[in-house]
C-alpha atoms as a PDB file:
ATOM      1  CA  UNK A   1      28.850  -9.617 -74.864  1.00  0.00           C
ATOM      2  CA  UNK A   2      25.639  -7.628 -75.256  1.00  0.00           C
ATOM      3  CA  UNK A   3      24.687  -8.294 -71.644  1.00  0.00           C
ATOM      4  CA  UNK A   4      27.467 -10.086 -69.817  1.00  0.00           C
ATOM      5  CA  UNK A   5      26.851 -10.054 -66.061  1.00  0.00           C
ATOM      6  CA  UNK A   6      29.237 -11.453 -63.463  1.00  0.00           C
ATOM      7  CA  UNK A   7      28.963 -11.296 -59.668  1.00  0.00           C
ATOM      8  CA  UNK A   8      32.050 -11.545 -57.459  1.00  0.00           C
ATOM      9  CA  UNK A   9      30.719 -12.618 -54.093  1.00  0.00           C
ATOM     10  CA  UNK A  10      31.202 -14.651 -50.901  1.00  0.00           C
ATOM     11  CA  UNK A  11      28.345 -16.970 -49.940  1.00  0.00           C
ATOM     12  CA  UNK A  12      27.687 -15.840 -46.300  1.00  0.00           C
ATOM     13  CA  UNK A  13      27.837 -12.103 -47.103  1.00  0.00           C
ATOM     14  CA  UNK A  14      24.538 -10.381 -46.327  1.00  0.00           C
ATOM     15  CA  UNK A  15      25.721  -7.617 -48.656  1.00  0.00           C
ATOM     16  CA  UNK A  16      26.243 -10.045 -51.516  1.00  0.00           C
ATOM     17  CA  UNK A  17      22.802 -11.498 -50.799  1.00  0.00           C
ATOM     18  CA  UNK A  18      21.286  -8.120 -51.672  1.00  0.00           C
ATOM     19  CA  UNK A  19      22.707  -8.297 -55.170  1.00  0.00           C
ATOM     20  CA  UNK A  20      21.651 -11.916 -55.651  1.00  0.00           C
ATOM     21  CA  UNK A  21      18.063 -11.072 -54.670  1.00  0.00           C
ATOM     22  CA  UNK A  22      17.945  -7.985 -56.903  1.00  0.00           C
ATOM     23  CA  UNK A  23      19.205  -9.965 -59.898  1.00  0.00           C
ATOM     24  CA  UNK A  24      16.691 -12.737 -59.155  1.00  0.00           C
ATOM     25  CA  UNK A  25      13.826 -10.231 -58.866  1.00  0.00           C
ATOM     26  CA  UNK A  26      14.776  -8.809 -62.259  1.00  0.00           C
ATOM     27  CA  UNK A  27      15.295 -12.234 -63.816  1.00  0.00           C
ATOM     28  CA  UNK A  28      18.851 -11.371 -64.860  1.00  0.00           C
ATOM     29  CA  UNK A  29      21.103 -14.315 -65.758  1.00  0.00           C
ATOM     30  CA  UNK A  30      24.650 -13.971 -64.433  1.00  0.00           C
ATOM     31  CA  UNK A  31      27.861 -15.820 -63.740  1.00  0.00           C
ATOM     32  CA  UNK A  32      28.525 -16.281 -60.022  1.00  0.00           C
ATOM     33  CA  UNK A  33      32.170 -16.122 -58.954  1.00  0.00           C
ATOM     34  CA  UNK A  34      32.842 -17.256 -55.364  1.00  0.00           C
ATOM     35  CA  UNK A  35      35.731 -15.361 -53.769  1.00  0.00           C
ATOM     36  CA  UNK A  36      38.123 -16.560 -51.073  1.00  0.00           C
ATOM     37  CA  UNK A  37      38.495 -13.436 -48.957  1.00  0.00           C
ATOM     38  CA  UNK A  38      41.706 -14.758 -47.409  1.00  0.00           C
ATOM     39  CA  UNK A  39      43.179 -15.139 -50.884  1.00  0.00           C
ATOM     40  CA  UNK A  40      41.488 -12.526 -53.047  1.00  0.00           C
ATOM     41  CA  UNK A  41      41.533 -13.182 -56.764  1.00  0.00           C
ATOM     42  CA  UNK A  42      43.374 -10.915 -59.210  1.00  0.00           C
ATOM     43  CA  UNK A  43      39.975 -10.237 -60.788  1.00  0.00           C
ATOM     44  CA  UNK A  44      38.538  -8.888 -57.516  1.00  0.00           C
ATOM     45  CA  UNK A  45      41.611  -6.707 -56.915  1.00  0.00           C
ATOM     46  CA  UNK A  46      41.361  -5.430 -60.468  1.00  0.00           C
ATOM     47  CA  UNK A  47      37.620  -4.768 -60.352  1.00  0.00           C
ATOM     48  CA  UNK A  48      37.549  -3.177 -56.883  1.00  0.00           C
ATOM     49  CA  UNK A  49      41.025  -1.703 -56.355  1.00  0.00           C
ATOM     50  CA  UNK A  50      39.811   0.882 -53.822  1.00  0.00           C
ATOM     51  CA  UNK A  51      38.120  -1.300 -51.183  1.00  0.00           C
ATOM     52  CA  UNK A  52      39.133  -4.780 -52.434  1.00  0.00           C
ATOM     53  CA  UNK A  53      35.800  -6.093 -51.126  1.00  0.00           C
ATOM     54  CA  UNK A  54      32.853  -8.096 -52.391  1.00  0.00           C
ATOM     55  CA  UNK A  55      30.282  -7.846 -53.790  1.00  0.00           C
ATOM     56  CA  UNK A  56      31.272  -6.504 -57.190  1.00  0.00           C
ATOM     57  CA  UNK A  57      28.925  -6.607 -60.157  1.00  0.00           C
ATOM     58  CA  UNK A  58      30.719  -6.678 -63.503  1.00  0.00           C
ATOM     59  CA  UNK A  59      28.387  -5.634 -66.317  1.00  0.00           C
ATOM     60  CA  UNK A  60      29.862  -5.835 -69.806  1.00  0.00           C
ATOM     61  CA  UNK A  61      33.344  -5.562 -68.328  1.00  0.00           C
ATOM     62  CA  UNK A  62      32.554  -2.536 -66.140  1.00  0.00           C
ATOM     63  CA  UNK A  63      32.626  -2.993 -62.340  1.00  0.00           C
ATOM     64  CA  UNK A  64      30.122  -1.588 -59.853  1.00  0.00           C
ATOM     65  CA  UNK A  65      30.965  -1.818 -56.138  1.00  0.00           C
ATOM     66  CA  UNK A  66      29.091  -1.355 -52.822  1.00  0.00           C
ATOM     67  CA  UNK A  67      25.943  -3.449 -52.449  1.00  0.00           C
ATOM     68  CA  UNK A  68      23.351  -0.672 -52.108  1.00  0.00           C
ATOM     69  CA  UNK A  69      24.814   1.127 -55.134  1.00  0.00           C
ATOM     70  CA  UNK A  70      24.793  -2.133 -57.100  1.00  0.00           C
ATOM     71  CA  UNK A  71      21.107  -2.754 -56.272  1.00  0.00           C
ATOM     72  CA  UNK A  72      20.235   0.772 -57.444  1.00  0.00           C
ATOM     73  CA  UNK A  73      22.243   0.180 -60.625  1.00  0.00           C
ATOM     74  CA  UNK A  74      20.386  -3.072 -61.262  1.00  0.00           C
ATOM     75  CA  UNK A  75      17.053  -1.309 -60.762  1.00  0.00           C
ATOM     76  CA  UNK A  76      17.969   1.467 -63.199  1.00  0.00           C
ATOM     77  CA  UNK A  77      19.523  -0.856 -65.804  1.00  0.00           C
ATOM     78  CA  UNK A  78      16.746  -3.476 -65.918  1.00  0.00           C
ATOM     79  CA  UNK A  79      13.844  -1.106 -65.368  1.00  0.00           C
ATOM     80  CA  UNK A  80      11.317  -3.034 -67.450  1.00  0.00           C
ATOM     81  CA  UNK A  81      10.374  -5.398 -64.610  1.00  0.00           C
ATOM     82  CA  UNK A  82      10.051  -5.622 -60.795  1.00  0.00           C
ATOM     83  CA  UNK A  83      10.849  -2.024 -59.730  1.00  0.00           C
ATOM     84  CA  UNK A  84      12.873  -2.062 -56.507  1.00  0.00           C
ATOM     85  CA  UNK A  85      12.961   1.631 -55.584  1.00  0.00           C
ATOM     86  CA  UNK A  86       9.745   3.625 -55.055  1.00  0.00           C
ATOM     87  CA  UNK A  87       8.661   5.904 -57.898  1.00  0.00           C
ATOM     88  CA  UNK A  88       7.923   8.760 -55.475  1.00  0.00           C
ATOM     89  CA  UNK A  89      11.092  10.859 -54.849  1.00  0.00           C
ATOM     90  CA  UNK A  90      10.407  11.239 -51.112  1.00  0.00           C
ATOM     91  CA  UNK A  91       9.740   7.522 -50.609  1.00  0.00           C
ATOM     92  CA  UNK A  92      12.840   6.741 -52.644  1.00  0.00           C
ATOM     93  CA  UNK A  93      14.933   9.031 -50.430  1.00  0.00           C
ATOM     94  CA  UNK A  94      13.493   7.401 -47.303  1.00  0.00           C
ATOM     95  CA  UNK A  95      14.324   3.898 -48.558  1.00  0.00           C
ATOM     96  CA  UNK A  96      17.903   5.006 -49.289  1.00  0.00           C
ATOM     97  CA  UNK A  97      18.149   6.629 -45.848  1.00  0.00           C
ATOM     98  CA  UNK A  98      17.157   3.444 -44.017  1.00  0.00           C
ATOM     99  CA  UNK A  99      19.474   1.212 -46.039  1.00  0.00           C
ATOM    100  CA  UNK A 100      22.299   3.656 -45.278  1.00  0.00           C
ATOM    101  CA  UNK A 101      21.276   3.451 -41.593  1.00  0.00           C
ATOM    102  CA  UNK A 102      21.452  -0.361 -41.733  1.00  0.00           C
ATOM    103  CA  UNK A 103      24.896  -0.202 -43.347  1.00  0.00           C
ATOM    104  CA  UNK A 104      26.273   2.255 -40.796  1.00  0.00           C
ATOM    105  CA  UNK A 105      24.632   0.927 -37.639  1.00  0.00           C
ATOM    106  CA  UNK A 106      23.247  -2.610 -37.806  1.00  0.00           C
ATOM    107  CA  UNK A 107      26.286  -4.526 -39.076  1.00  0.00           C
ATOM    108  CA  UNK A 108      28.543  -3.256 -36.262  1.00  0.00           C
ATOM    109  CA  UNK A 109      26.002  -4.122 -33.565  1.00  0.00           C
ATOM    110  CA  UNK A 110      25.298  -7.598 -34.942  1.00  0.00           C
ATOM    111  CA  UNK A 111      29.012  -8.346 -35.154  1.00  0.00           C
ATOM    112  CA  UNK A 112      29.354  -7.677 -31.412  1.00  0.00           C
ATOM    113  CA  UNK A 113      26.799 -10.419 -30.661  1.00  0.00           C
ATOM    114  CA  UNK A 114      29.308 -13.062 -31.782  1.00  0.00           C
ATOM    115  CA  UNK A 115      32.618 -11.211 -32.163  1.00  0.00           C
ATOM    116  CA  UNK A 116      32.986 -10.046 -28.576  1.00  0.00           C
ATOM    117  CA  UNK A 117      32.316 -11.104 -24.994  1.00  0.00           C
ATOM    118  CA  UNK A 118      30.983  -9.660 -21.757  1.00  0.00           C
ATOM    119  CA  UNK A 119      29.637  -6.113 -21.716  1.00  0.00           C
ATOM    120  CA  UNK A 120      30.544  -5.426 -25.335  1.00  0.00           C
ATOM    121  CA  UNK A 121      28.509  -8.443 -26.429  1.00  0.00           C
ATOM    122  CA  UNK A 122      25.581  -7.358 -24.234  1.00  0.00           C
ATOM    123  CA  UNK A 123      25.788  -3.843 -25.688  1.00  0.00           C
ATOM    124  CA  UNK A 124      25.721  -5.350 -29.177  1.00  0.00           C
ATOM    125  CA  UNK A 125      22.576  -7.325 -28.376  1.00  0.00           C
ATOM    126  CA  UNK A 126      20.853  -4.236 -26.979  1.00  0.00           C
ATOM    127  CA  UNK A 127      21.969  -2.142 -29.934  1.00  0.00           C
ATOM    128  CA  UNK A 128      20.801  -4.703 -32.473  1.00  0.00           C
ATOM    129  CA  UNK A 129      17.360  -5.063 -30.879  1.00  0.00           C
ATOM    130  CA  UNK A 130      16.969  -1.268 -30.644  1.00  0.00           C
ATOM    131  CA  UNK A 131      17.722  -0.921 -34.375  1.00  0.00           C
ATOM    132  CA  UNK A 132      15.314  -3.723 -35.299  1.00  0.00           C
ATOM    133  CA  UNK A 133      12.604  -2.069 -33.180  1.00  0.00           C
ATOM    134  CA  UNK A 134      13.161   1.185 -35.076  1.00  0.00           C
ATOM    135  CA  UNK A 135      12.803  -0.718 -38.333  1.00  0.00           C
ATOM    136  CA  UNK A 136       9.590  -2.337 -37.045  1.00  0.00           C
ATOM    137  CA  UNK A 137       8.183   1.182 -36.697  1.00  0.00           C
ATOM    138  CA  UNK A 138       9.163   1.944 -40.291  1.00  0.00           C
ATOM    139  CA  UNK A 139       7.510  -1.285 -41.435  1.00  0.00           C
ATOM    140  CA  UNK A 140       4.319  -0.499 -39.534  1.00  0.00           C
ATOM    141  CA  UNK A 141       1.410  -2.634 -40.725  1.00  0.00           C
ATOM    142  CA  UNK A 142       2.709  -3.028 -44.270  1.00  0.00           C
ATOM    143  CA  UNK A 143       3.519  -6.459 -45.721  1.00  0.00           C
ATOM    144  CA  UNK A 144       6.922  -5.204 -46.904  1.00  0.00           C
ATOM    145  CA  UNK A 145       8.863  -2.013 -46.301  1.00  0.00           C
ATOM    146  CA  UNK A 146       8.059  -1.056 -49.886  1.00  0.00           C
ATOM    147  CA  UNK A 147       4.329  -1.727 -49.380  1.00  0.00           C
ATOM    148  CA  UNK A 148       2.772  -4.771 -51.030  1.00  0.00           C
ATOM    149  CA  UNK A 149       5.902  -5.684 -53.002  1.00  0.00           C
ATOM    150  CA  UNK A 150       9.466  -6.507 -52.033  1.00  0.00           C
ATOM    151  CA  UNK A 151      11.578  -3.369 -52.447  1.00  0.00           C
ATOM    152  CA  UNK A 152      14.938  -1.715 -51.896  1.00  0.00           C
ATOM    153  CA  UNK A 153      14.743  -1.555 -48.096  1.00  0.00           C
ATOM    154  CA  UNK A 154      13.512  -5.151 -47.817  1.00  0.00           C
ATOM    155  CA  UNK A 155      16.474  -6.267 -49.920  1.00  0.00           C
ATOM    156  CA  UNK A 156      18.794  -4.146 -47.777  1.00  0.00           C
ATOM    157  CA  UNK A 157      17.779  -5.894 -44.552  1.00  0.00           C
ATOM    158  CA  UNK A 158      16.697  -9.454 -45.335  1.00  0.00           C
ATOM    159  CA  UNK A 159      20.216 -10.885 -45.752  1.00  0.00           C
ATOM    160  CA  UNK A 160      20.868 -10.348 -42.041  1.00  0.00           C
ATOM    161  CA  UNK A 161      18.101 -12.855 -41.271  1.00  0.00           C
ATOM    162  CA  UNK A 162      20.277 -15.749 -42.441  1.00  0.00           C
ATOM    163  CA  UNK A 163      22.594 -14.836 -39.559  1.00  0.00           C
ATOM    164  CA  UNK A 164      19.798 -14.475 -36.951  1.00  0.00           C
ATOM    165  CA  UNK A 165      20.173 -18.052 -35.733  1.00  0.00           C
ATOM    166  CA  UNK A 166      23.892 -17.488 -35.135  1.00  0.00           C
ATOM    167  CA  UNK A 167      23.310 -14.187 -33.298  1.00  0.00           C
ATOM    168  CA  UNK A 168      20.655 -15.769 -31.081  1.00  0.00           C
ATOM    169  CA  UNK A 169      22.482 -19.028 -30.354  1.00  0.00           C
ATOM    170  CA  UNK A 170      25.811 -17.418 -29.544  1.00  0.00           C
ATOM    171  CA  UNK A 171      24.314 -14.393 -27.781  1.00  0.00           C
ATOM    172  CA  UNK A 172      21.638 -16.414 -25.956  1.00  0.00           C
ATOM    173  CA  UNK A 173      18.647 -14.227 -26.779  1.00  0.00           C
ATOM    174  CA  UNK A 174      15.532 -14.340 -28.954  1.00  0.00           C
ATOM    175  CA  UNK A 175      14.916 -11.872 -31.766  1.00  0.00           C
ATOM    176  CA  UNK A 176      11.347 -13.124 -32.200  1.00  0.00           C
ATOM    177  CA  UNK A 177      10.544 -12.428 -28.539  1.00  0.00           C
ATOM    178  CA  UNK A 178      11.793  -8.856 -28.895  1.00  0.00           C
ATOM    179  CA  UNK A 179      10.826  -8.069 -32.500  1.00  0.00           C
ATOM    180  CA  UNK A 180       7.890 -10.254 -33.605  1.00  0.00           C
ATOM    181  CA  UNK A 181       6.981  -7.947 -36.508  1.00  0.00           C
ATOM    182  CA  UNK A 182      10.463  -8.282 -37.996  1.00  0.00           C
ATOM    183  CA  UNK A 183      10.307 -12.063 -37.771  1.00  0.00           C
ATOM    184  CA  UNK A 184       6.855 -12.131 -39.393  1.00  0.00           C
ATOM    185  CA  UNK A 185       8.290  -9.938 -42.170  1.00  0.00           C
ATOM    186  CA  UNK A 186      11.245 -12.359 -42.569  1.00  0.00           C
ATOM    187  CA  UNK A 187       8.806 -15.230 -43.077  1.00  0.00           C
ATOM    188  CA  UNK A 188       6.910 -13.244 -45.739  1.00  0.00           C
ATOM    189  CA  UNK A 189      10.145 -12.444 -47.551  1.00  0.00           C
ATOM    190  CA  UNK A 190      11.202 -16.099 -47.523  1.00  0.00           C
ATOM    191  CA  UNK A 191       7.978 -17.035 -49.296  1.00  0.00           C
ATOM    192  CA  UNK A 192       9.432 -15.280 -52.345  1.00  0.00           C
ATOM    193  CA  UNK A 193      11.644 -17.548 -54.431  1.00  0.00           C
ATOM    194  CA  UNK A 194      14.010 -14.673 -55.246  1.00  0.00           C
ATOM    195  CA  UNK A 195      14.787 -14.440 -51.519  1.00  0.00           C
ATOM    196  CA  UNK A 196      14.673 -18.087 -50.421  1.00  0.00           C
ATOM    197  CA  UNK A 197      16.998 -19.204 -53.223  1.00  0.00           C
ATOM    198  CA  UNK A 198      19.420 -16.307 -52.676  1.00  0.00           C
ATOM    199  CA  UNK A 199      19.924 -16.720 -48.908  1.00  0.00           C
ATOM    200  CA  UNK A 200      22.108 -19.472 -47.435  1.00  0.00           C
ATOM    201  CA  UNK A 201      20.745 -21.906 -44.860  1.00  0.00           C
ATOM    202  CA  UNK A 202      21.180 -20.384 -41.356  1.00  0.00           C
ATOM    203  CA  UNK A 203      22.428 -23.817 -40.225  1.00  0.00           C
ATOM    204  CA  UNK A 204      25.278 -23.479 -42.714  1.00  0.00           C
ATOM    205  CA  UNK A 205      26.085 -19.939 -41.568  1.00  0.00           C
ATOM    206  CA  UNK A 206      26.332 -20.983 -37.893  1.00  0.00           C
ATOM    207  CA  UNK A 207      29.390 -23.306 -38.204  1.00  0.00           C
ATOM    208  CA  UNK A 208      31.014 -20.676 -40.423  1.00  0.00           C
ATOM    209  CA  UNK A 209      30.607 -18.104 -37.630  1.00  0.00           C
ATOM    210  CA  UNK A 210      31.983 -20.585 -35.080  1.00  0.00           C
ATOM    211  CA  UNK A 211      35.070 -20.988 -37.266  1.00  0.00           C
ATOM    212  CA  UNK A 212      35.666 -17.233 -37.271  1.00  0.00           C
ATOM    213  CA  UNK A 213      35.196 -17.111 -33.493  1.00  0.00           C
ATOM    214  CA  UNK A 214      37.756 -19.879 -33.082  1.00  0.00           C
ATOM    215  CA  UNK A 215      40.222 -17.997 -35.288  1.00  0.00           C
ATOM    216  CA  UNK A 216      39.669 -14.895 -33.139  1.00  0.00           C
ATOM    217  CA  UNK A 217      40.153 -16.866 -29.915  1.00  0.00           C
ATOM    218  CA  UNK A 218      36.523 -16.321 -28.859  1.00  0.00           C
ATOM    219  CA  UNK A 219      35.423 -19.968 -28.673  1.00  0.00           C
END
């Protein structure tokens, strides 16, 4: 039990994808436990009794919840390889700020692109593009948000890209037309095995989203 690592997760979760990428970057072996969010396991309820949500990282029997906190924990625990957070305190604070911004703003806007209709859906599309344009400014001319290497902010955002096809197809718009720098960054990220093997196929995500829409009466 010297280093027992377990991840409670749900395959299409962009938040779970963060943890999978971070563990892959660090080369940490772990047991993956797929959760049914309509029938949450006793283990999930025990390990995250406050929010009852995935992802949860269980390290030597101790649970860590909330994806951005988990990624920081992984970086601090396995610090001998592939640093994820910048060493400079200011840059580290900035990376945390933008991941917090993504968590508080981007998810809600993207959900409107498929989870609503009419003006609310249009507002979601506009909001999503505006946020991605802001992030393009943060990226600037760098290869990754962290510079030359994949870092904390890259990991915080890249999981959303596996849903891009669904957003675009359902919302009838093009992210690449509006945010070419973000799409070029996505392609660079996907060249890394830690990312490509941790993200689900967008063509698998799309029918999953259609199922949710049908359940919500939005089809």
